[in-house]
Protein backbone atom coordinates (compact mmCIF):
# COMPACT_ATOMS: atom_id res chain seq x y z
CA MET A 1 -0.01 -0.40 0.17
CA ALA A 2 3.05 2.05 0.59
CA ALA A 3 4.50 1.91 -2.36
CA GLN A 4 1.20 2.40 -4.07
CA LEU A 5 0.23 5.19 -2.45
CA ARG A 6 4.21 6.63 -3.34
CA ILE A 7 3.51 5.89 -7.27
CA TYR A 8 -0.06 8.25 -6.29
CA ARG A 9 1.60 11.11 -5.20
CA GLN A 10 4.51 11.14 -7.99
CA LYS A 11 2.00 11.14 -10.54
CA ILE A 12 -0.13 14.03 -9.05
CA ARG A 13 3.43 16.00 -9.04
CA SER A 14 4.57 15.33 -12.37
CA ALA A 15 0.69 16.13 -13.45
CA GLN A 16 0.54 19.24 -11.79
CA THR A 17 4.23 20.63 -13.14
CA THR A 18 2.58 19.15 -16.55
CA LYS A 19 0.01 22.11 -16.04
CA LYS A 20 1.99 24.44 -14.82
CA ILE A 21 3.86 24.23 -18.22
CA THR A 22 0.82 23.71 -19.89
CA ARG A 23 -0.98 26.61 -17.99
CA ALA A 24 2.21 29.75 -18.63
CA MET A 25 1.89 28.50 -22.56
CA GLU A 26 -2.15 29.36 -22.99
CA LEU A 27 -1.12 33.04 -21.57
CA ILE A 28 1.76 33.16 -23.65
CA SER A 29 -0.25 32.15 -26.75
CA ALA A 30 -3.18 34.24 -25.22
CA SER A 31 -1.02 37.93 -25.72
CA ARG A 32 0.71 37.10 -28.83
CA ILE A 33 -3.05 36.89 -29.92
CA ALA A 34 -3.76 40.68 -30.28
CA LYS A 35 -1.11 41.39 -31.67
CA ALA A 36 -1.44 38.86 -34.42
CA LEU A 37 -4.78 39.95 -34.84
CA GLY A 38 -3.72 43.64 -35.32
CA ARG A 39 -0.86 43.17 -37.66
CA VAL A 40 -3.87 41.19 -39.91
CA ASN A 41 -6.35 43.59 -39.35
CA GLU A 42 -3.97 46.37 -40.24
CA ALA A 43 -2.89 44.56 -43.66
CA GLY A 44 -5.94 43.50 -44.50
CA PRO A 45 -7.04 46.82 -46.05
CA TYR A 46 -3.81 47.14 -47.99
CA THR A 47 -4.33 44.18 -49.48
CA GLN A 48 -7.99 44.17 -50.25
CA GLU A 49 -7.56 47.67 -52.13
CA LEU A 50 -3.87 46.51 -54.27
CA SER A 51 -5.88 43.33 -54.99
CA ARG A 52 -8.76 46.08 -56.01
CA ALA A 53 -6.53 48.39 -58.24
CA VAL A 54 -4.95 44.95 -59.81
CA GLY A 55 -7.94 43.73 -61.10
CA LEU A 56 -9.70 47.00 -62.59
CA VAL A 57 -6.06 47.64 -64.63
CA ALA A 58 -6.71 44.12 -65.54
CA HIS A 59 -9.81 44.02 -66.37
CA ARG A 60 -10.23 47.85 -67.39
CA SER A 61 -6.60 46.91 -69.69
CA ASN A 62 -6.66 45.59 -72.87
CA VAL A 63 -3.06 44.12 -72.32
CA GLU A 64 -1.85 40.59 -72.35
CA HIS A 65 0.32 40.68 -69.31
CA VAL A 66 2.00 37.45 -68.22
CA LEU A 67 0.64 37.52 -64.88
CA THR A 68 -3.21 37.93 -65.41
CA THR A 69 -3.69 35.91 -68.49
CA GLU A 70 -4.69 32.87 -68.17
CA PRO A 71 -2.47 30.00 -70.24
CA ALA A 72 -3.47 28.16 -73.07
CA LYS A 73 -2.87 24.61 -71.32
CA ILE A 74 -1.60 24.78 -68.12
CA THR A 75 0.80 22.19 -67.30
CA ARG A 76 2.92 22.58 -64.33
CA ALA A 77 1.46 24.68 -60.68
CA ALA A 78 3.58 25.21 -57.56
CA ILE A 79 1.75 24.42 -54.25
CA VAL A 80 2.92 27.23 -51.56
CA LEU A 81 2.06 25.76 -48.11
CA PHE A 82 2.22 27.09 -44.99
CA THR A 83 2.84 25.69 -41.60
CA SER A 84 4.30 26.70 -38.83
CA ASP A 85 8.36 25.54 -37.15
CA ARG A 86 6.46 24.30 -34.20
CA GLY A 87 4.10 22.42 -32.35
CA LEU A 88 2.13 21.79 -29.48
CA ALA A 89 -0.98 23.38 -31.60
CA GLY A 90 -3.13 20.70 -32.31
CA ALA A 91 -4.53 19.91 -35.30
CA PHE A 92 -3.03 23.20 -37.49
CA ASN A 93 -0.90 21.92 -39.16
CA SER A 94 -1.91 18.66 -39.83
CA GLN A 95 -5.13 19.80 -42.05
CA VAL A 96 -3.45 22.38 -44.06
CA ILE A 97 -1.54 19.83 -45.08
CA ARG A 98 -3.80 17.98 -45.67
CA ALA A 99 -5.30 20.25 -47.77
CA ALA A 100 -2.58 20.76 -49.46
CA LEU A 101 -2.27 17.17 -50.33
CA GLN A 102 -5.92 16.79 -51.96
CA LEU A 103 -5.06 20.25 -54.05
CA GLU A 104 -2.16 18.55 -55.44
CA THR A 105 -4.43 15.44 -55.63
CA LEU A 106 -6.69 17.01 -57.68
CA LEU A 107 -4.25 19.09 -60.15
CA ILE A 108 -2.39 15.91 -60.43
CA ASP A 109 -6.12 14.55 -61.99
CA GLN A 110 -6.39 17.56 -64.38
CA GLY A 111 -2.93 16.34 -65.93
CA ARG A 112 -0.45 19.20 -64.59
CA GLU A 113 2.57 18.15 -62.72
CA VAL A 114 2.50 19.71 -59.09
CA GLU A 115 5.57 21.23 -57.00
CA PHE A 116 6.00 22.48 -53.98
CA PHE A 117 7.08 25.44 -51.42
CA LEU A 118 7.69 25.37 -47.71
CA VAL A 119 6.62 27.47 -45.13
CA GLY A 120 7.74 26.23 -41.58
CA ARG A 121 9.09 23.56 -39.97
CA LYS A 122 6.62 21.67 -39.93
CA SER A 123 5.82 21.26 -43.56
CA VAL A 124 9.46 20.95 -44.24
CA GLY A 125 9.73 17.83 -41.64
CA PHE A 126 6.49 16.21 -43.15
CA PHE A 127 8.11 16.10 -46.53
CA ALA A 128 11.32 15.28 -45.11
CA PHE A 129 9.53 12.52 -43.50
CA ARG A 130 8.27 11.19 -46.64
CA ARG A 131 10.63 11.84 -48.80
CA ARG A 132 9.70 13.96 -50.69
CA SER A 133 11.04 16.65 -52.86
CA TYR A 134 10.11 20.33 -53.29
CA LEU A 135 12.07 23.64 -54.87
CA ASN A 136 12.32 25.78 -51.35
CA SER A 137 11.98 26.00 -48.02
CA TRP A 138 11.83 28.90 -45.48
CA VAL A 139 12.05 28.57 -41.43
CA GLY A 140 12.43 30.41 -38.60
CA GLU A 141 10.47 33.31 -38.26
CA THR A 142 6.30 31.89 -38.52
CA ASP A 143 5.36 32.89 -35.15
CA GLN A 144 6.15 36.37 -35.93
CA PRO A 145 6.57 37.24 -40.06
CA GLU A 146 8.28 40.37 -41.24
CA PHE A 147 7.26 41.93 -44.54
CA ASP A 148 11.11 40.80 -45.50
CA LEU A 149 10.55 37.09 -45.66
CA ALA A 150 7.31 37.56 -47.80
CA LYS A 151 9.03 39.71 -50.48
CA GLN A 152 11.51 37.31 -50.90
CA ILE A 153 8.94 34.38 -51.80
CA SER A 154 7.18 36.73 -54.00
CA ASP A 155 10.81 36.92 -56.00
CA GLU A 156 10.56 33.47 -56.23
CA LEU A 157 7.04 32.82 -56.94
CA ILE A 158 7.83 35.36 -60.31
CA GLU A 159 10.66 34.89 -60.80
CA ILE A 160 9.41 30.82 -61.58
CA PHE A 161 5.85 32.02 -63.50
CA ARG A 162 7.94 34.06 -65.51
CA LYS A 163 9.98 31.11 -66.56
CA ASP A 164 9.07 28.04 -69.63
CA GLU A 165 7.86 25.30 -68.80
CA SER A 166 11.35 23.94 -70.52
CA GLU A 167 13.50 25.48 -67.90
CA GLY A 168 11.20 24.47 -64.82
CA GLY A 169 8.72 27.57 -64.91
CA VAL A 170 5.14 26.57 -63.64
CA ASN A 171 1.28 27.81 -64.86
CA GLU A 172 0.14 28.69 -61.47
CA ILE A 173 0.30 29.40 -58.26
CA HIS A 174 -1.80 28.37 -55.16
CA LEU A 175 -1.14 29.56 -51.60
CA VAL A 176 -3.09 26.81 -48.61
CA PHE A 177 -2.21 28.36 -45.26
CA ASN A 178 -5.13 28.57 -41.91
CA GLN A 179 -7.54 31.04 -41.78
CA PHE A 180 -8.13 32.60 -38.22
CA MET A 181 -11.94 32.59 -37.93
CA SER A 182 -12.61 32.75 -34.30
CA SER A 183 -10.12 31.43 -31.43
CA MET A 184 -11.56 28.28 -31.46
CA THR A 185 -12.04 28.22 -35.02
CA GLN A 186 -8.77 28.04 -37.65
CA THR A 187 -9.66 26.78 -41.29
CA PRO A 188 -7.68 25.73 -44.11
CA SER A 189 -8.02 28.49 -47.10
CA VAL A 190 -6.85 27.12 -50.19
CA ARG A 191 -6.63 30.37 -52.60
CA ARG A 192 -5.17 30.41 -56.55
CA LEU A 193 -2.01 33.62 -56.58
CA LEU A 194 -1.67 33.53 -59.59
CA PRO A 195 -2.97 33.84 -62.62
CA LEU A 196 -4.41 37.01 -61.31
CA GLU A 197 -8.16 35.29 -60.55
CA ILE A 198 -11.19 38.44 -60.05
CA GLU A 199 -12.89 37.32 -57.37
CA GLY A 200 -16.63 38.45 -57.07
CA LYS A 201 -17.52 41.96 -58.59
CA LEU A 202 -14.98 45.04 -59.70
CA GLU A 203 -16.92 48.12 -58.10
CA ASP A 204 -15.33 51.69 -58.19
CA ASP A 205 -16.14 55.34 -58.14
CA THR A 206 -16.78 55.64 -61.81
CA LEU A 207 -20.00 53.14 -62.62
CA PRO A 208 -22.00 53.54 -65.50
CA ASP A 209 -24.70 56.60 -66.54
CA PRO A 210 -28.19 56.23 -65.76
CA ASP A 211 -27.46 55.23 -69.96
CA GLY A 212 -25.74 52.14 -69.48
CA VAL A 213 -22.28 53.96 -71.03
CA THR A 214 -19.36 52.26 -69.26
CA ALA A 215 -16.59 54.63 -68.23
CA LEU A 216 -13.32 54.70 -70.43
CA TYR A 217 -10.03 54.17 -68.41
CA GLU A 218 -6.32 56.19 -69.75
CA PHE A 219 -3.06 54.72 -67.79
CA GLU A 220 -0.22 56.82 -67.14
CA PRO A 221 2.18 55.43 -68.35
CA ASP A 222 0.67 52.85 -70.75
CA ALA A 223 -1.44 49.77 -68.56
CA GLU A 224 2.05 47.37 -69.20
CA THR A 225 4.02 49.49 -67.14
CA VAL A 226 1.81 50.02 -64.44
CA LEU A 227 0.66 45.96 -63.93
CA ASP A 228 4.37 46.00 -64.30
CA ARG A 229 4.26 47.74 -60.53
CA LEU A 230 0.92 47.06 -59.67
CA LEU A 231 1.66 43.06 -59.45
CA PRO A 232 4.86 42.28 -57.57
CA ALA A 233 3.48 44.84 -55.18
CA TYR A 234 0.07 41.93 -55.52
CA VAL A 235 2.09 39.15 -54.94
CA GLU A 236 4.18 39.82 -51.60
CA SER A 237 0.76 41.47 -50.57
CA ARG A 238 -0.94 38.53 -50.53
CA VAL A 239 1.73 36.49 -49.54
CA PHE A 240 2.34 38.36 -46.35
CA TYR A 241 -1.62 38.93 -46.13
CA ALA A 242 -0.86 34.51 -45.82
CA LEU A 243 2.06 34.32 -42.95
CA LEU A 244 -0.01 36.84 -40.84
CA GLN A 245 -3.15 34.43 -41.09
CA SER A 246 -1.18 31.44 -40.51
CA ALA A 247 0.57 33.17 -37.19
CA ALA A 248 -2.60 34.88 -36.03
CA SER A 249 -4.21 31.21 -36.31
CA LYS A 250 -1.46 29.29 -34.95
CA HIS A 251 -1.82 31.39 -31.16
CA ALA A 252 -5.29 30.24 -31.31
CA ALA A 253 -4.66 27.17 -31.83
CA THR A 254 -1.65 26.83 -29.65
CA GLN A 255 -3.93 28.57 -27.12
CA LYS A 256 -6.71 26.25 -27.52
CA ALA A 257 -4.15 23.12 -27.30
CA MET A 258 -3.19 24.52 -24.12
CA LYS A 259 -6.34 25.15 -22.63
CA SER A 260 -7.44 21.67 -23.29
CA ALA A 261 -4.10 19.91 -21.85
CA SER A 262 -4.44 21.70 -18.70
CA ASP A 263 -7.63 20.56 -17.80
CA ASN A 264 -7.27 17.04 -18.55
CA ALA A 265 -4.01 17.80 -16.66
CA ASP A 266 -7.16 18.86 -13.63
CA LYS A 267 -8.47 15.87 -14.36
CA LEU A 268 -5.34 13.68 -13.60
CA ILE A 269 -5.09 15.55 -10.78
CA THR A 270 -8.18 14.67 -9.36
CA ASN A 271 -8.35 11.35 -10.36
CA TYR A 272 -4.91 10.60 -9.24
CA THR A 273 -5.93 12.44 -5.83
CA ARG A 274 -9.12 10.13 -5.27
CA LEU A 275 -6.75 6.81 -5.70
CA ALA A 276 -4.01 8.34 -3.33
CA ASN A 277 -6.58 8.96 -0.51
CA ASN A 278 -7.89 5.47 -1.59
CA ALA A 279 -4.63 3.49 -1.09
CA ARG A 280 -4.12 5.89 2.48
CA GLN A 281 -7.57 5.00 3.98
CA ALA A 282 -6.63 1.26 3.04
CA GLU A 283 -3.47 1.58 4.48
CA ILE A 284 -4.84 3.31 7.40
CA THR A 285 -7.69 0.47 7.72
CA GLN A 286 -4.71 -2.52 7.34
CA GLN A 287 -2.64 -0.80 10.39
CA ILE A 288 -5.96 -1.05 12.81
CA SER A 289 -7.06 -4.18 11.83
CA GLU A 290 -3.39 -5.37 12.73
CA ILE A 291 -3.02 -3.61 15.76
CA VAL A 292 -6.75 -4.98 16.69
CA GLY A 293 -5.64 -8.46 16.13
CA GLY A 294 -2.25 -7.46 18.32
CA ALA A 295 -4.51 -6.67 20.91
CA ASP A 296 -6.71 -9.33 20.79
CA ALA A 297 -3.77 -11.86 20.90
CA LEU A 298 -2.17 -10.48 23.82
CA ALA A 299 -5.75 -10.14 25.38
CA SER A 300 -6.57 -14.31 24.75
C-alpha cells in the first residue's frame, strides 16, 4: 500500500508540473493573439485595395500581361504550403497539410505536374520524413513574420512563374494556409495567386451612368507599365497576408490546445488524488486491523 501511495503522489506532482507548463504556454499564446490579429487587421485593407486596383487595371485594359493572362493549357502548378515552426497546436499543421495534399491530388487528376514551396519547419519535416521533393523552403520566422520574408517568397514565385516550362517554370500558383476565423476555429484556405483571378464584382467610383455607358480608362504611363509595378506588390501583399493569417491561427490553435491540456491535467490530478486517498485509507485500515489483531492476541 505504501509503495502504491508513493506512485500516486509522484503522478500527482508530475501532472501538477505539466499543468504549470501548459498554463504558462496558454497565457503566452493568448497575449500574442491580440498582436497577431492587430497585424492582420492592419494588413487587410491594404491587401484588399491593392487587389482591387490590380483587378481594375487588368479588367479595364486590353493588355495581355504574363501575370494576368490565363494560359491556353496549364501543365505545371506550384503550391505554397504555410505551416508553423513549432508544434503543440492541435490539428493546426495536419489540417493544412491535408488540404495541400488534396489540392495536389486534384491538380494531378487534371493532368498537371505539381511542385511545392514550403514555409515552416513542420511542412519541411513532413516532406523529409516521406522523402518527398520540394523546390524551396523558409523556416524560423513563422511566429512573427516580417515583410522581408514575404518579399523573398514573392520574388521566387514571380521568377518561377515567368520562366518557361522547359526551364522549370509553372503556369499556376496556389497558396494553402490556415485562416483565422475565431479563437476556436482556424480553417484551411486555398487561394489561387497567379494568374490573377478576379474575385467577385469589381466596383469603383466611376460606375456606369443611367444610360449604361461605361467609363473609359486612360493609363499614365501605359497599362503594361502600371501592371509591372502593381503586380509584384500584389503578390507580396497576398503572401504577407497569408503569413499573418497563419501566425494568428497558430497562436489561437496553441492557446486552445494548451487549455485542453491544462483541463486534462486537472482531471488527472483529481483522479490520482482520489486514488491516493483510497490507498491511504486502505493502508490506515490495514494498520488498525493489525493493531486490533495484536491486542486480541495478547488479551487471549
